[in-house]
Each structure stands twice: as C-alpha cells, then as structure tokens.
Amino acid sequence: MENLAKYNTAFLESFGIDESQLNDLEYESILEWDSVAHMGLIAEIEEAFEIELDIDDVIDFGSYIKGKEILKKYNVQI
C-alpha cells in the first residue's frame, strides 16, 4: 500500500468518515476527532509507518494537512 493510502486509511478507520472529508479535516472539526480519538489516530499512523512521533508532534498534529508536514520529518513522503 502506498503512503497516501496508508495515511488516508488511518483517518478513515479512526473516525469512520468519508474520504471526501479529509482535506478540510481539523482536530475537533468533527465530533469523532476528540482527544481520545486523536490518540487512536496517532497510534494508527505510528503503526502504519513504523515510527514513533515526538510528543510535540502529537500535539501539533491538528489537521489532515498538518499531519502530512509532520510526517516529512520522519522521512515519510505522502
């Protein structure tokens, strides 16, 4: 599975949303993305890419777009 598909799948499975919602998705912009679901999303992403995000990156991971930027720091190209 390519990286974009892995990334999208983490969001889709964590929040049970439609793919059309991804680009505008931000933390707490939908009911499903609360603090508990945020940690589930982070765990999905860490497992999918076999990385461990720094706590600052977990906190800054506030949107679908921002997540792509953060993953670049871990040599994950999306």
PDB file of N, CA and C in Angstrom:
ATOM      1  N   MET A   1       0.851  -1.185   0.000  1.00  0.00           N
ATOM      2  CA  MET A   1       0.000   0.000   0.000  1.00  0.00           C
ATOM      3  C   MET A   1       0.891   1.240   0.000  1.00  0.00           C
ATOM      4  N   GLU A   2       0.571   2.176  -0.853  1.00  0.00           N
ATOM      5  CA  GLU A   2       1.378   3.388  -0.915  1.00  0.00           C
ATOM      6  C   GLU A   2       1.103   4.273   0.306  1.00  0.00           C
ATOM      7  N   ASN A   3       2.008   5.214   0.567  1.00  0.00           N
ATOM      8  CA  ASN A   3       1.928   6.019   1.778  1.00  0.00           C
ATOM      9  C   ASN A   3       0.645   6.841   1.891  1.00  0.00           C
ATOM     10  N   LEU A   4       0.185   7.431   0.797  1.00  0.00           N
ATOM     11  CA  LEU A   4      -1.048   8.222   0.869  1.00  0.00           C
ATOM     12  C   LEU A   4      -2.225   7.335   1.256  1.00  0.00           C
ATOM     13  N   ALA A   5      -2.286   6.149   0.707  1.00  0.00           N
ATOM     14  CA  ALA A   5      -3.372   5.226   1.043  1.00  0.00           C
ATOM     15  C   ALA A   5      -3.305   4.820   2.511  1.00  0.00           C
ATOM     16  N   LYS A   6      -2.106   4.563   3.023  1.00  0.00           N
ATOM     17  CA  LYS A   6      -1.942   4.225   4.447  1.00  0.00           C
ATOM     18  C   LYS A   6      -2.401   5.385   5.329  1.00  0.00           C
ATOM     19  N   TYR A   7      -1.991   6.578   4.953  1.00  0.00           N
ATOM     20  CA  TYR A   7      -2.326   7.778   5.715  1.00  0.00           C
ATOM     21  C   TYR A   7      -3.841   7.984   5.736  1.00  0.00           C
ATOM     22  N   ASN A   8      -4.451   7.920   4.564  1.00  0.00           N
ATOM     23  CA  ASN A   8      -5.901   8.107   4.472  1.00  0.00           C
ATOM     24  C   ASN A   8      -6.645   7.039   5.265  1.00  0.00           C
ATOM     25  N   THR A   9      -6.190   5.801   5.158  1.00  0.00           N
ATOM     26  CA  THR A   9      -6.835   4.698   5.867  1.00  0.00           C
ATOM     27  C   THR A   9      -6.817   4.927   7.373  1.00  0.00           C
ATOM     28  N   ALA A  10      -5.732   5.468   7.900  1.00  0.00           N
ATOM     29  CA  ALA A  10      -5.654   5.752   9.340  1.00  0.00           C
ATOM     30  C   ALA A  10      -6.778   6.702   9.752  1.00  0.00           C
ATOM     31  N   PHE A  11      -7.008   7.741   8.967  1.00  0.00           N
ATOM     32  CA  PHE A  11      -8.085   8.690   9.268  1.00  0.00           C
ATOM     33  C   PHE A  11      -9.461   8.057   9.095  1.00  0.00           C
ATOM     34  N   LEU A  12      -9.636   7.359   7.985  1.00  0.00           N
ATOM     35  CA  LEU A  12     -10.941   6.772   7.685  1.00  0.00           C
ATOM     36  C   LEU A  12     -11.344   5.742   8.729  1.00  0.00           C
ATOM     37  N   GLU A  13     -10.404   4.925   9.157  1.00  0.00           N
ATOM     38  CA  GLU A  13     -10.700   3.909  10.165  1.00  0.00           C
ATOM     39  C   GLU A  13     -10.847   4.498  11.565  1.00  0.00           C
ATOM     40  N   SER A  14     -10.059   5.510  11.868  1.00  0.00           N
ATOM     41  CA  SER A  14     -10.134   6.118  13.202  1.00  0.00           C
ATOM     42  C   SER A  14     -11.442   6.864  13.420  1.00  0.00           C
ATOM     43  N   PHE A  15     -11.923   7.522  12.369  1.00  0.00           N
ATOM     44  CA  PHE A  15     -13.079   8.392  12.530  1.00  0.00           C
ATOM     45  C   PHE A  15     -14.343   7.911  11.833  1.00  0.00           C
ATOM     46  N   GLY A  16     -14.239   6.895  10.999  1.00  0.00           N
ATOM     47  CA  GLY A  16     -15.408   6.393  10.291  1.00  0.00           C
ATOM     48  C   GLY A  16     -16.048   7.439   9.391  1.00  0.00           C
ATOM     49  N   ILE A  17     -15.215   8.174   8.673  1.00  0.00           N
ATOM     50  CA  ILE A  17     -15.695   9.255   7.814  1.00  0.00           C
ATOM     51  C   ILE A  17     -15.510   8.900   6.351  1.00  0.00           C
ATOM     52  N   ASP A  18     -16.045   9.744   5.489  1.00  0.00           N
ATOM     53  CA  ASP A  18     -15.916   9.582   4.046  1.00  0.00           C
ATOM     54  C   ASP A  18     -14.628  10.256   3.577  1.00  0.00           C
ATOM     55  N   GLU A  19     -14.006   9.687   2.568  1.00  0.00           N
ATOM     56  CA  GLU A  19     -12.739  10.212   2.054  1.00  0.00           C
ATOM     57  C   GLU A  19     -12.853  11.664   1.577  1.00  0.00           C
ATOM     58  N   SER A  20     -14.030  12.079   1.164  1.00  0.00           N
ATOM     59  CA  SER A  20     -14.223  13.449   0.676  1.00  0.00           C
ATOM     60  C   SER A  20     -14.040  14.490   1.781  1.00  0.00           C
ATOM     61  N   GLN A  21     -14.053  14.078   3.031  1.00  0.00           N
ATOM     62  CA  GLN A  21     -13.898  14.994   4.166  1.00  0.00           C
ATOM     63  C   GLN A  21     -12.442  15.252   4.552  1.00  0.00           C
ATOM     64  N   LEU A  22     -11.525  14.503   4.004  1.00  0.00           N
ATOM     65  CA  LEU A  22     -10.152  14.521   4.501  1.00  0.00           C
ATOM     66  C   LEU A  22      -9.440  15.862   4.373  1.00  0.00           C
ATOM     67  N   ASN A  23      -9.432  16.487   3.225  1.00  0.00           N
ATOM     68  CA  ASN A  23      -8.615  17.684   3.016  1.00  0.00           C
ATOM     69  C   ASN A  23      -8.938  18.832   3.958  1.00  0.00           C
ATOM     70  N   ASP A  24     -10.178  18.957   4.390  1.00  0.00           N
ATOM     71  CA  ASP A  24     -10.578  20.048   5.285  1.00  0.00           C
ATOM     72  C   ASP A  24     -10.616  19.631   6.747  1.00  0.00           C
ATOM     73  N   LEU A  25     -10.197  18.419   7.034  1.00  0.00           N
ATOM     74  CA  LEU A  25     -10.332  17.861   8.365  1.00  0.00           C
ATOM     75  C   LEU A  25      -9.339  18.475   9.355  1.00  0.00           C
ATOM     76  N   GLU A  26      -9.873  18.964  10.478  1.00  0.00           N
ATOM     77  CA  GLU A  26      -9.050  19.513  11.558  1.00  0.00           C
ATOM     78  C   GLU A  26      -9.517  18.944  12.887  1.00  0.00           C
ATOM     79  N   TYR A  27      -8.623  18.968  13.854  1.00  0.00           N
ATOM     80  CA  TYR A  27      -8.930  18.484  15.198  1.00  0.00           C
ATOM     81  C   TYR A  27     -10.186  19.173  15.717  1.00  0.00           C
ATOM     82  N   GLU A  28     -11.109  18.377  16.230  1.00  0.00           N
ATOM     83  CA  GLU A  28     -12.380  18.813  16.780  1.00  0.00           C
ATOM     84  C   GLU A  28     -13.305  19.482  15.757  1.00  0.00           C
ATOM     85  N   SER A  29     -12.995  19.361  14.446  1.00  0.00           N
ATOM     86  CA  SER A  29     -13.902  19.892  13.430  1.00  0.00           C
ATOM     87  C   SER A  29     -15.060  18.924  13.194  1.00  0.00           C
ATOM     88  N   ILE A  30     -14.885  17.691  13.649  1.00  0.00           N
ATOM     89  CA  ILE A  30     -15.960  16.709  13.633  1.00  0.00           C
ATOM     90  C   ILE A  30     -16.040  16.107  15.028  1.00  0.00           C
ATOM     91  N   LEU A  31     -17.209  15.628  15.377  1.00  0.00           N
ATOM     92  CA  LEU A  31     -17.413  15.043  16.705  1.00  0.00           C
ATOM     93  C   LEU A  31     -16.471  13.878  16.970  1.00  0.00           C
ATOM     94  N   GLU A  32     -16.188  13.108  15.920  1.00  0.00           N
ATOM     95  CA  GLU A  32     -15.371  11.911  16.081  1.00  0.00           C
ATOM     96  C   GLU A  32     -13.924  12.209  16.462  1.00  0.00           C
ATOM     97  N   TRP A  33     -13.405  13.400  16.122  1.00  0.00           N
ATOM     98  CA  TRP A  33     -11.997  13.703  16.404  1.00  0.00           C
ATOM     99  C   TRP A  33     -11.879  14.473  17.711  1.00  0.00           C
ATOM    100  N   ASP A  34     -11.963  13.726  18.802  1.00  0.00           N
ATOM    101  CA  ASP A  34     -11.750  14.307  20.120  1.00  0.00           C
ATOM    102  C   ASP A  34     -10.387  13.847  20.633  1.00  0.00           C
ATOM    103  N   SER A  35     -10.092  14.124  21.875  1.00  0.00           N
ATOM    104  CA  SER A  35      -8.760  13.814  22.395  1.00  0.00           C
ATOM    105  C   SER A  35      -8.483  12.311  22.438  1.00  0.00           C
ATOM    106  N   VAL A  36      -9.482  11.515  22.734  1.00  0.00           N
ATOM    107  CA  VAL A  36      -9.288  10.070  22.784  1.00  0.00           C
ATOM    108  C   VAL A  36      -9.058   9.525  21.370  1.00  0.00           C
ATOM    109  N   ALA A  37      -9.884   9.955  20.429  1.00  0.00           N
ATOM    110  CA  ALA A  37      -9.733   9.515  19.041  1.00  0.00           C
ATOM    111  C   ALA A  37      -8.408  10.007  18.455  1.00  0.00           C
ATOM    112  N   HIS A  38      -7.937  11.153  18.921  1.00  0.00           N
ATOM    113  CA  HIS A  38      -6.658  11.688  18.446  1.00  0.00           C
ATOM    114  C   HIS A  38      -5.535  10.701  18.762  1.00  0.00           C
ATOM    115  N   MET A  39      -5.551  10.170  19.961  1.00  0.00           N
ATOM    116  CA  MET A  39      -4.502   9.220  20.334  1.00  0.00           C
ATOM    117  C   MET A  39      -4.631   7.923  19.541  1.00  0.00           C
ATOM    118  N   GLY A  40      -5.853   7.521  19.230  1.00  0.00           N
ATOM    119  CA  GLY A  40      -6.056   6.350  18.381  1.00  0.00           C
ATOM    120  C   GLY A  40      -5.510   6.582  16.984  1.00  0.00           C
ATOM    121  N   LEU A  41      -5.744   7.781  16.448  1.00  0.00           N
ATOM    122  CA  LEU A  41      -5.218   8.138  15.131  1.00  0.00           C
ATOM    123  C   LEU A  41      -3.694   8.102  15.134  1.00  0.00           C
ATOM    124  N   ILE A  42      -3.099   8.682  16.153  1.00  0.00           N
ATOM    125  CA  ILE A  42      -1.638   8.703  16.257  1.00  0.00           C
ATOM    126  C   ILE A  42      -1.097   7.270  16.294  1.00  0.00           C
ATOM    127  N   ALA A  43      -1.741   6.410  17.067  1.00  0.00           N
ATOM    128  CA  ALA A  43      -1.305   5.015  17.147  1.00  0.00           C
ATOM    129  C   ALA A  43      -1.411   4.331  15.783  1.00  0.00           C
ATOM    130  N   GLU A  44      -2.498   4.587  15.055  1.00  0.00           N
ATOM    131  CA  GLU A  44      -2.673   4.016  13.712  1.00  0.00           C
ATOM    132  C   GLU A  44      -1.551   4.466  12.775  1.00  0.00           C
ATOM    133  N   ILE A  45      -1.233   5.743  12.833  1.00  0.00           N
ATOM    134  CA  ILE A  45      -0.196   6.303  11.956  1.00  0.00           C
ATOM    135  C   ILE A  45       1.175   5.758  12.330  1.00  0.00           C
ATOM    136  N   GLU A  46       1.458   5.706  13.618  1.00  0.00           N
ATOM    137  CA  GLU A  46       2.756   5.169  14.052  1.00  0.00           C
ATOM    138  C   GLU A  46       2.910   3.714  13.619  1.00  0.00           C
ATOM    139  N   GLU A  47       1.862   2.945  13.730  1.00  0.00           N
ATOM    140  CA  GLU A  47       1.924   1.539  13.330  1.00  0.00           C
ATOM    141  C   GLU A  47       2.059   1.397  11.811  1.00  0.00           C
ATOM    142  N   ALA A  48       1.288   2.181  11.069  1.00  0.00           N
ATOM    143  CA  ALA A  48       1.307   2.094   9.608  1.00  0.00           C
ATOM    144  C   ALA A  48       2.676   2.415   9.034  1.00  0.00           C
ATOM    145  N   PHE A  49       3.367   3.387   9.633  1.00  0.00           N
ATOM    146  CA  PHE A  49       4.650   3.840   9.088  1.00  0.00           C
ATOM    147  C   PHE A  49       5.849   3.387   9.918  1.00  0.00           C
ATOM    148  N   GLU A  50       5.585   2.613  10.961  1.00  0.00           N
ATOM    149  CA  GLU A  50       6.642   2.087  11.827  1.00  0.00           C
ATOM    150  C   GLU A  50       7.544   3.203  12.344  1.00  0.00           C
ATOM    151  N   ILE A  51       6.895   4.209  12.922  1.00  0.00           N
ATOM    152  CA  ILE A  51       7.601   5.351  13.504  1.00  0.00           C
ATOM    153  C   ILE A  51       7.049   5.618  14.898  1.00  0.00           C
ATOM    154  N   GLU A  52       7.724   6.486  15.636  1.00  0.00           N
ATOM    155  CA  GLU A  52       7.221   6.959  16.922  1.00  0.00           C
ATOM    156  C   GLU A  52       7.319   8.479  16.910  1.00  0.00           C
ATOM    157  N   LEU A  53       6.159   9.126  16.971  1.00  0.00           N
ATOM    158  CA  LEU A  53       6.118  10.588  16.927  1.00  0.00           C
ATOM    159  C   LEU A  53       6.532  11.190  18.268  1.00  0.00           C
ATOM    160  N   ASP A  54       7.282  12.270  18.218  1.00  0.00           N
ATOM    161  CA  ASP A  54       7.616  13.026  19.422  1.00  0.00           C
ATOM    162  C   ASP A  54       6.345  13.632  19.991  1.00  0.00           C
ATOM    163  N   ILE A  55       6.304  13.846  21.274  1.00  0.00           N
ATOM    164  CA  ILE A  55       5.110  14.399  21.925  1.00  0.00           C
ATOM    165  C   ILE A  55       4.722  15.750  21.327  1.00  0.00           C
ATOM    166  N   ASP A  56       5.694  16.582  20.978  1.00  0.00           N
ATOM    167  CA  ASP A  56       5.382  17.877  20.361  1.00  0.00           C
ATOM    168  C   ASP A  56       4.674  17.693  19.029  1.00  0.00           C
ATOM    169  N   ASP A  57       5.077  16.675  18.283  1.00  0.00           N
ATOM    170  CA  ASP A  57       4.425  16.405  17.005  1.00  0.00           C
ATOM    171  C   ASP A  57       3.019  15.854  17.207  1.00  0.00           C
ATOM    172  N   VAL A  58       2.822  15.061  18.241  1.00  0.00           N
ATOM    173  CA  VAL A  58       1.477  14.555  18.560  1.00  0.00           C
ATOM    174  C   VAL A  58       0.552  15.728  18.867  1.00  0.00           C
ATOM    175  N   ILE A  59       1.045  16.677  19.612  1.00  0.00           N
ATOM    176  CA  ILE A  59       0.246  17.857  19.977  1.00  0.00           C
ATOM    177  C   ILE A  59      -0.022  18.730  18.759  1.00  0.00           C
ATOM    178  N   ASP A  60       0.986  18.911  17.910  1.00  0.00           N
ATOM    179  CA  ASP A  60       0.847  19.765  16.725  1.00  0.00           C
ATOM    180  C   ASP A  60       0.034  19.129  15.606  1.00  0.00           C
ATOM    181  N   PHE A  61      -0.207  17.845  15.685  1.00  0.00           N
ATOM    182  CA  PHE A  61      -0.910  17.100  14.640  1.00  0.00           C
ATOM    183  C   PHE A  61      -2.398  17.467  14.691  1.00  0.00           C
ATOM    184  N   GLY A  62      -2.706  18.677  14.233  1.00  0.00           N
ATOM    185  CA  GLY A  62      -4.055  19.207  14.393  1.00  0.00           C
ATOM    186  C   GLY A  62      -4.911  19.202  13.150  1.00  0.00           C
ATOM    187  N   SER A  63      -4.396  18.670  12.061  1.00  0.00           N
ATOM    188  CA  SER A  63      -5.206  18.595  10.841  1.00  0.00           C
ATOM    189  C   SER A  63      -4.631  17.543   9.903  1.00  0.00           C
ATOM    190  N   TYR A  64      -5.431  17.180   8.938  1.00  0.00           N
ATOM    191  CA  TYR A  64      -5.004  16.232   7.912  1.00  0.00           C
ATOM    192  C   TYR A  64      -3.775  16.770   7.176  1.00  0.00           C
ATOM    193  N   ILE A  65      -3.817  18.043   6.805  1.00  0.00           N
ATOM    194  CA  ILE A  65      -2.709  18.681   6.075  1.00  0.00           C
ATOM    195  C   ILE A  65      -1.466  18.787   6.957  1.00  0.00           C
ATOM    196  N   LYS A  66      -1.639  19.230   8.200  1.00  0.00           N
ATOM    197  CA  LYS A  66      -0.506  19.377   9.121  1.00  0.00           C
ATOM    198  C   LYS A  66       0.185  18.032   9.365  1.00  0.00           C
ATOM    199  N   GLY A  67      -0.601  16.976   9.411  1.00  0.00           N
ATOM    200  CA  GLY A  67      -0.035  15.645   9.610  1.00  0.00           C
ATOM    201  C   GLY A  67       0.924  15.258   8.507  1.00  0.00           C
ATOM    202  N   LYS A  68       0.591  15.620   7.281  1.00  0.00           N
ATOM    203  CA  LYS A  68       1.494  15.336   6.156  1.00  0.00           C
ATOM    204  C   LYS A  68       2.826  16.051   6.344  1.00  0.00           C
ATOM    205  N   GLU A  69       2.781  17.298   6.811  1.00  0.00           N
ATOM    206  CA  GLU A  69       4.005  18.068   7.052  1.00  0.00           C
ATOM    207  C   GLU A  69       4.843  17.425   8.151  1.00  0.00           C
ATOM    208  N   ILE A  70       4.184  17.008   9.209  1.00  0.00           N
ATOM    209  CA  ILE A  70       4.894  16.393  10.334  1.00  0.00           C
ATOM    210  C   ILE A  70       5.572  15.092   9.899  1.00  0.00           C
ATOM    211  N   LEU A  71       4.892  14.293   9.108  1.00  0.00           N
ATOM    212  CA  LEU A  71       5.463  13.015   8.690  1.00  0.00           C
ATOM    213  C   LEU A  71       6.711  13.171   7.840  1.00  0.00           C
ATOM    214  N   LYS A  72       6.863  14.297   7.169  1.00  0.00           N
ATOM    215  CA  LYS A  72       8.082  14.549   6.390  1.00  0.00           C
ATOM    216  C   LYS A  72       9.313  14.528   7.286  1.00  0.00           C
ATOM    217  N   LYS A  73       9.158  14.983   8.536  1.00  0.00           N
ATOM    218  CA  LYS A  73      10.272  14.971   9.496  1.00  0.00           C
ATOM    219  C   LYS A  73      10.753  13.546   9.789  1.00  0.00           C
ATOM    220  N   TYR A  74       9.868  12.582   9.547  1.00  0.00           N
ATOM    221  CA  TYR A  74      10.183  11.178   9.820  1.00  0.00           C
ATOM    222  C   TYR A  74      10.471  10.412   8.529  1.00  0.00           C
ATOM    223  N   ASN A  75      10.788  11.189   7.473  1.00  0.00           N
ATOM    224  CA  ASN A  75      11.104  10.632   6.155  1.00  0.00           C
ATOM    225  C   ASN A  75       9.968   9.817   5.549  1.00  0.00           C
ATOM    226  N   VAL A  76       8.747  10.229   5.864  1.00  0.00           N
ATOM    227  CA  VAL A  76       7.562   9.611   5.256  1.00  0.00           C
ATOM    228  C   VAL A  76       7.034  10.603   4.235  1.00  0.00           C
ATOM    229  N   GLN A  77       7.134  10.249   2.972  1.00  0.00           N
ATOM    230  CA  GLN A  77       6.656  11.104   1.899  1.00  0.00           C
ATOM    231  C   GLN A  77       5.236  10.705   1.514  1.00  0.00           C
ATOM    232  N   ILE A  78       4.358  11.673   1.553  1.00  0.00           N
ATOM    233  CA  ILE A  78       2.951  11.408   1.222  1.00  0.00           C
ATOM    234  C   ILE A  78       2.577  12.208  -0.006  1.00  0.00           C
TER     235      ILE A  78
END
